[in-house]
Protein backbone atom coordinates (compact mmCIF):
# COMPACT_ATOMS: atom_id res chain seq x y z
CA MET A 1 2.03 -17.51 -18.29
CA ASN A 2 5.36 -19.34 -18.32
CA PHE A 3 6.71 -18.39 -21.74
CA SER A 4 7.49 -15.05 -23.40
CA LYS A 5 6.13 -13.95 -26.76
CA GLU A 6 9.50 -14.79 -28.30
CA ALA A 7 9.43 -18.30 -26.84
CA VAL A 8 5.89 -18.91 -28.10
CA VAL A 9 6.90 -17.81 -31.60
CA ALA A 10 9.96 -20.06 -31.51
CA SER A 11 7.81 -23.02 -30.44
CA ILE A 12 5.50 -22.74 -33.44
CA LYS A 13 8.31 -22.19 -35.94
CA ASP A 14 10.11 -25.45 -35.31
CA GLY A 15 8.81 -28.71 -33.85
CA LEU A 16 5.80 -30.99 -33.83
CA LEU A 17 2.63 -29.55 -32.28
CA SER A 18 0.36 -31.54 -29.95
CA PHE A 19 -3.44 -31.17 -29.98
CA PRO A 20 -4.74 -33.57 -27.29
CA VAL A 21 -8.27 -34.89 -27.15
CA THR A 22 -10.42 -33.78 -24.22
CA ASP A 23 -11.39 -36.50 -21.74
CA PHE A 24 -15.03 -37.09 -20.85
CA ASP A 25 -16.41 -39.56 -18.33
CA ALA A 26 -19.25 -42.06 -18.83
CA ASN A 27 -21.77 -39.25 -18.31
CA GLY A 28 -20.12 -37.00 -20.86
CA LYS A 29 -18.60 -34.64 -18.27
CA PHE A 30 -15.01 -33.40 -18.34
CA ASP A 31 -12.76 -35.93 -16.59
CA ALA A 32 -9.88 -33.94 -15.10
CA ASP A 33 -8.01 -36.95 -13.70
CA SER A 34 -8.05 -38.79 -17.03
CA TYR A 35 -6.95 -35.60 -18.80
CA ARG A 36 -4.00 -35.18 -16.44
CA ARG A 37 -2.95 -38.77 -17.08
CA ARG A 38 -3.09 -38.16 -20.84
CA LEU A 39 -1.03 -34.98 -20.68
CA LEU A 40 1.63 -36.61 -18.49
CA TRP A 41 1.86 -39.52 -20.94
CA LEU A 42 2.21 -37.26 -23.98
CA LYS A 43 4.71 -35.07 -22.11
CA GLU A 44 7.27 -37.86 -22.53
CA TYR A 45 7.41 -37.30 -26.30
CA GLU A 46 9.16 -34.49 -28.12
CA VAL A 47 6.80 -31.69 -29.13
CA SER A 48 7.32 -27.94 -29.10
CA ALA A 49 3.88 -26.70 -27.96
CA LEU A 50 0.62 -28.01 -26.54
CA PHE A 51 -2.69 -26.74 -27.95
CA VAL A 52 -5.48 -27.45 -25.45
CA ALA A 53 -9.22 -27.34 -26.15
CA GLY A 54 -8.50 -27.26 -29.88
CA GLY A 55 -10.45 -28.81 -32.73
CA THR A 56 -9.31 -32.33 -31.84
CA GLY A 57 -10.15 -31.44 -28.24
CA GLU A 58 -13.77 -30.57 -29.19
CA PHE A 59 -13.51 -26.86 -28.42
CA PHE A 60 -16.68 -26.34 -30.45
CA ASN A 61 -18.57 -28.56 -28.02
CA MET A 62 -17.75 -27.18 -24.55
CA THR A 63 -19.02 -24.51 -22.19
CA ILE A 64 -16.88 -21.61 -21.03
CA GLU A 65 -16.79 -23.18 -17.55
CA GLU A 66 -15.45 -26.45 -18.95
CA TYR A 67 -12.98 -24.53 -21.08
CA ARG A 68 -11.63 -22.67 -18.05
CA GLU A 69 -11.16 -25.93 -16.14
CA ILE A 70 -9.45 -27.66 -19.07
CA VAL A 71 -6.92 -24.86 -19.50
CA THR A 72 -6.33 -24.69 -15.75
CA VAL A 73 -5.69 -28.43 -15.50
CA ALA A 74 -3.28 -28.29 -18.45
CA VAL A 75 -1.30 -25.43 -16.91
CA GLU A 76 -1.21 -27.11 -13.49
CA THR A 77 -0.07 -30.39 -15.03
CA ILE A 78 2.61 -29.39 -17.52
CA GLY A 79 2.88 -25.60 -17.40
CA GLY A 80 6.48 -24.54 -17.99
CA HIS A 81 7.35 -27.69 -19.96
CA VAL A 82 6.23 -26.31 -23.34
CA PRO A 83 4.04 -23.31 -24.23
CA ILE A 84 0.34 -23.98 -23.69
CA ILE A 85 -1.91 -22.48 -26.35
CA ALA A 86 -5.67 -22.37 -25.73
CA SER A 87 -8.39 -21.87 -28.33
CA ALA A 88 -10.84 -18.98 -28.57
CA GLY A 89 -13.69 -18.29 -30.95
CA GLN A 90 -17.35 -18.84 -31.88
CA SER A 91 -18.18 -15.11 -31.60
CA ALA A 92 -16.09 -12.02 -30.94
CA GLU A 93 -17.44 -11.53 -27.43
CA LEU A 94 -17.21 -15.19 -26.49
CA ALA A 95 -13.69 -15.33 -27.94
CA LYS A 96 -12.74 -12.41 -25.70
CA ALA A 97 -14.13 -14.34 -22.74
CA HIS A 98 -12.05 -17.36 -23.77
CA CYS A 99 -8.95 -15.17 -23.92
CA LYS A 100 -9.64 -13.74 -20.47
CA ALA A 101 -10.19 -17.20 -18.99
CA ALA A 102 -7.07 -18.57 -20.68
CA GLN A 103 -4.90 -15.71 -19.49
CA GLU A 104 -6.20 -16.04 -15.93
CA ALA A 105 -5.50 -19.79 -16.01
CA GLY A 106 -1.90 -19.19 -17.08
CA ALA A 107 -1.94 -20.09 -20.78
CA ASP A 108 0.87 -18.78 -22.97
CA GLY A 109 -1.08 -18.02 -26.13
CA ILE A 110 -4.34 -18.19 -28.07
CA LEU A 111 -5.39 -20.07 -31.20
CA LEU A 112 -8.21 -17.95 -32.61
CA MET A 113 -10.82 -20.04 -34.39
CA PRO A 114 -13.09 -18.73 -37.19
CA PRO A 115 -16.41 -17.13 -36.19
CA TYR A 116 -19.39 -19.44 -35.88
CA LEU A 117 -21.41 -20.41 -38.97
CA THR A 118 -22.19 -17.14 -40.73
CA GLU A 119 -20.71 -16.06 -44.07
CA CYS A 120 -18.39 -13.08 -43.65
CA PRO A 121 -16.79 -10.39 -45.84
CA GLN A 122 -13.02 -10.04 -45.58
CA SER A 123 -13.32 -6.73 -43.72
CA GLY A 124 -15.64 -8.35 -41.18
CA ILE A 125 -13.26 -11.24 -40.56
CA VAL A 126 -10.40 -8.80 -40.01
CA GLU A 127 -12.52 -6.83 -37.56
CA TYR A 128 -13.55 -10.01 -35.72
CA ALA A 129 -9.96 -11.21 -35.35
CA ALA A 130 -8.53 -7.78 -34.55
CA SER A 131 -11.09 -7.09 -31.82
CA VAL A 132 -10.14 -10.36 -30.12
CA CYS A 133 -6.39 -9.75 -30.47
CA GLU A 134 -6.81 -6.27 -29.00
CA SER A 135 -8.65 -7.69 -25.98
CA THR A 136 -5.72 -9.78 -24.71
CA ASP A 137 -2.04 -9.51 -23.85
CA LEU A 138 -1.46 -13.08 -25.00
CA SER A 139 0.18 -13.97 -28.31
CA VAL A 140 -2.43 -14.96 -30.91
CA ILE A 141 -2.28 -17.46 -33.77
CA TYR A 142 -5.11 -17.09 -36.30
CA TYR A 143 -6.62 -20.31 -37.67
CA ASN A 144 -7.21 -19.50 -41.33
CA ARG A 145 -9.99 -21.79 -42.50
CA ALA A 146 -13.67 -22.26 -43.36
CA ASN A 147 -15.88 -19.16 -43.19
CA GLY A 148 -13.09 -17.24 -41.46
CA TYR A 149 -10.58 -17.65 -44.28
CA LEU A 150 -8.48 -14.55 -44.97
CA THR A 151 -6.73 -13.83 -48.25
CA VAL A 152 -3.30 -12.22 -48.31
CA ASP A 153 -4.68 -8.68 -48.04
CA GLY A 154 -6.75 -9.61 -45.02
CA VAL A 155 -3.83 -11.32 -43.29
CA GLN A 156 -1.65 -8.28 -44.00
CA ALA A 157 -4.27 -5.90 -42.58
CA LEU A 158 -4.63 -8.01 -39.45
CA ALA A 159 -0.87 -8.27 -38.96
CA ASP A 160 -0.45 -4.51 -39.42
CA ARG A 161 -3.14 -3.76 -36.85
CA CYS A 162 -2.26 -6.33 -34.16
CA PRO A 163 1.31 -6.57 -32.81
CA ASN A 164 0.37 -9.63 -30.72
CA LEU A 165 -0.66 -11.60 -33.81
CA VAL A 166 2.32 -13.94 -34.08
CA GLY A 167 1.18 -16.81 -36.26
CA LEU A 168 -1.09 -18.11 -38.98
CA LYS A 169 -2.35 -21.68 -38.93
CA ASP A 170 -3.45 -22.90 -42.34
CA GLY A 171 -6.62 -24.97 -42.36
CA LYS A 172 -7.32 -25.00 -46.09
CA GLY A 173 -4.34 -26.65 -47.77
CA ASP A 174 -4.32 -24.26 -50.73
CA MET A 175 -0.56 -24.15 -51.34
CA GLN A 176 -0.73 -21.37 -53.90
CA ALA A 177 -2.67 -19.04 -51.62
CA LEU A 178 -0.54 -19.94 -48.59
CA ASN A 179 2.69 -19.42 -50.51
CA ILE A 180 1.51 -15.97 -51.57
CA ILE A 181 0.81 -15.10 -47.93
CA ILE A 182 4.21 -16.41 -46.79
CA LYS A 183 6.14 -14.63 -49.53
CA THR A 184 4.23 -11.38 -48.91
CA LEU A 185 4.38 -11.23 -45.10
CA GLY A 186 7.67 -13.10 -44.69
CA ASP A 187 8.97 -13.30 -41.12
CA ARG A 188 6.21 -11.08 -39.72
CA LEU A 189 4.34 -14.28 -38.80
CA ALA A 190 5.13 -17.89 -38.01
CA TYR A 191 3.25 -20.38 -40.19
CA VAL A 192 1.69 -23.66 -39.05
CA GLY A 193 0.24 -26.48 -41.13
CA GLY A 194 -3.22 -27.26 -39.83
CA VAL A 195 -5.32 -29.29 -42.24
CA PRO A 196 -6.77 -32.50 -40.75
CA THR A 197 -4.07 -35.20 -40.71
CA ALA A 198 -1.50 -32.59 -41.73
CA GLU A 199 1.15 -35.25 -42.33
CA ILE A 200 -0.54 -36.12 -45.62
CA ILE A 201 0.67 -32.81 -47.14
CA ALA A 202 3.61 -32.15 -44.81
CA GLU A 203 6.09 -32.39 -47.69
CA ALA A 204 4.24 -29.65 -49.57
CA TYR A 205 4.11 -27.49 -46.45
CA LEU A 206 7.85 -27.87 -45.91
CA ALA A 207 8.60 -26.98 -49.53
CA ILE A 208 7.10 -23.49 -49.10
CA GLY A 209 8.61 -22.84 -45.68
CA VAL A 210 6.07 -24.27 -43.23
CA SER A 211 8.16 -26.44 -40.93
CA THR A 212 5.61 -27.15 -38.19
CA TYR A 213 2.17 -28.73 -38.22
CA SER A 214 -0.49 -30.03 -35.87
CA SER A 215 -0.48 -33.80 -35.44
CA ALA A 216 -3.76 -35.36 -34.37
CA VAL A 217 -2.42 -38.92 -34.69
CA PHE A 218 0.15 -37.99 -32.04
CA ASN A 219 -2.73 -38.75 -29.64
CA PHE A 220 -2.47 -42.49 -30.27
CA VAL A 221 0.75 -43.22 -32.18
CA PRO A 222 3.10 -40.62 -30.66
CA GLU A 223 6.31 -42.53 -31.40
CA MET A 224 5.52 -42.78 -35.09
CA ALA A 225 4.26 -39.18 -35.29
CA VAL A 226 7.48 -37.86 -33.78
CA LYS A 227 9.61 -40.10 -36.01
CA PHE A 228 7.72 -39.02 -39.13
CA TYR A 229 8.33 -35.36 -38.28
CA ARG A 230 12.01 -35.96 -37.57
CA GLU A 231 12.60 -37.98 -40.74
CA LEU A 232 10.71 -35.41 -42.82
CA ARG A 233 12.94 -32.62 -41.53
CA GLN A 234 16.05 -34.69 -42.12
CA GLY A 235 15.07 -35.38 -45.73
CA ASN A 236 14.53 -39.13 -45.37
CA ARG A 237 12.26 -39.47 -48.39
CA ASP A 238 12.15 -43.26 -48.24
CA PHE A 239 10.69 -43.32 -44.74
CA VAL A 240 8.27 -40.48 -45.45
CA ARG A 241 7.07 -42.28 -48.58
CA GLN A 242 6.66 -45.58 -46.72
CA ALA A 243 4.82 -44.08 -43.74
CA THR A 244 2.55 -42.07 -46.03
CA ARG A 245 1.72 -45.09 -48.17
CA GLU A 246 1.30 -47.65 -45.37
CA PHE A 247 -0.27 -45.53 -42.60
CA PHE A 248 -1.40 -42.04 -43.52
CA ILE A 249 -3.17 -42.78 -46.81
CA PRO A 250 -5.18 -45.69 -45.30
CA PHE A 251 -5.92 -43.54 -42.24
CA VAL A 252 -7.16 -40.61 -44.34
CA THR A 253 -9.28 -43.03 -46.40
CA LEU A 254 -10.89 -44.31 -43.20
CA ARG A 255 -11.25 -40.78 -41.84
CA ASP A 256 -13.12 -39.64 -44.93
CA THR A 257 -15.83 -42.33 -44.65
CA GLN A 258 -17.75 -40.16 -42.17
CA LYS A 259 -17.87 -36.45 -41.47
CA GLY A 260 -16.31 -35.66 -38.10
CA TYR A 261 -14.03 -38.68 -38.08
CA ALA A 262 -11.01 -36.35 -38.01
CA VAL A 263 -11.88 -36.12 -34.30
CA SER A 264 -13.79 -39.35 -33.62
CA LEU A 265 -11.06 -41.65 -34.96
CA ILE A 266 -8.50 -39.92 -32.77
CA LYS A 267 -10.52 -40.65 -29.64
CA ALA A 268 -11.03 -44.24 -30.76
CA GLY A 269 -7.31 -44.58 -31.37
CA ALA A 270 -6.45 -43.24 -27.92
CA ASP A 271 -8.83 -45.79 -26.42
CA LEU A 272 -7.21 -48.63 -28.39
CA VAL A 273 -3.74 -47.81 -27.03
CA GLY A 274 -4.86 -47.68 -23.41
CA TYR A 275 -5.68 -44.00 -22.90
CA PRO A 276 -9.48 -43.81 -23.23
CA GLY A 277 -11.04 -40.36 -23.19
CA GLY A 278 -14.69 -41.26 -23.40
CA ASN A 279 -16.91 -40.74 -26.42
CA VAL A 280 -17.14 -37.65 -28.59
CA ARG A 281 -20.09 -35.40 -27.95
CA ALA A 282 -22.98 -35.05 -30.39
CA PRO A 283 -23.23 -34.14 -33.22
CA LEU A 284 -20.07 -36.22 -33.70
CA THR A 285 -20.34 -40.02 -33.57
CA MET A 286 -17.90 -42.75 -32.63
CA PRO A 287 -16.60 -45.30 -35.17
CA SER A 288 -18.25 -48.70 -35.59
CA GLU A 289 -16.63 -51.91 -34.36
CA GLN A 290 -15.52 -52.72 -37.88
CA GLU A 291 -13.93 -49.29 -38.25
CA ARG A 292 -12.22 -49.71 -34.88
CA ALA A 293 -10.79 -53.01 -36.08
CA THR A 294 -9.41 -51.31 -39.17
CA LEU A 295 -7.94 -48.57 -37.00
CA GLU A 296 -6.34 -51.16 -34.72
CA GLN A 297 -4.62 -52.70 -37.73
CA LEU A 298 -3.27 -49.28 -38.68
CA ILE A 299 -1.94 -48.80 -35.15
CA GLU A 300 -0.06 -52.07 -35.45
CA LYS A 301 1.36 -50.90 -38.77
CA ALA A 302 2.46 -47.63 -37.16
CA ARG A 303 4.32 -49.58 -34.49
CA THR A 304 6.33 -51.43 -37.16
CA LEU A 305 7.30 -48.08 -38.68
């Protein structure tokens, strides 16, 4: 661990957040050398934290052994540059194993994913998240989405119980519910925008006090992603409007043609700009040649922005 709890909190309160794809070779195995090359490339751009083995990185599709290697490679490659946050989840016991592996590898924090598949009562979600938080010394950010979604009372109960819970990442995009959480808990937590292609509602996030978000497109148009974040924070409405209209709306339209394209298109984009990471693993699928051509046109548009 290279960063204190205070430094981790500061990193997720202000700045763009990077969620790199995970590199696989032609046989679908983790490619450590390609991953190192990717991280060193992205290191050159201004972000405040690196989230490894996240949703864009196909956390849901890797073994604990692969996970341990991915976090280790990330820490060895850019540890100390920015805080490195590793994912945990799927079940309470497996999430605890993820936390242990991440801490041993030198990660600075944990992004706790929702539990796998099953429907859950609020009390059960709180117990799931609290048991994982209590198993680790690392700072924890809870990813509030899907079947693990907590209402304001659940978030409050979790925050009261777990001192190392430092952040809440929104994965739903319900501004009313999120605003209630923010106004109720205040500075007890840091808040992160985390819907797919978060830039599309970044203005709404900022309006209620969420000044950071995860950028998946940073994987293939990092210059534009960083500029969009900077111009948004500086109040350049003309640029934000133009970039949203000319890049993000067409990208989201393409993304929504197939389930899973929030990840698959990112890998295709990285390939198109010279940083291939292999194909996504099943059950995800890669875009067609026609869809890749459309994506390539969007990349060219991003470069003009």
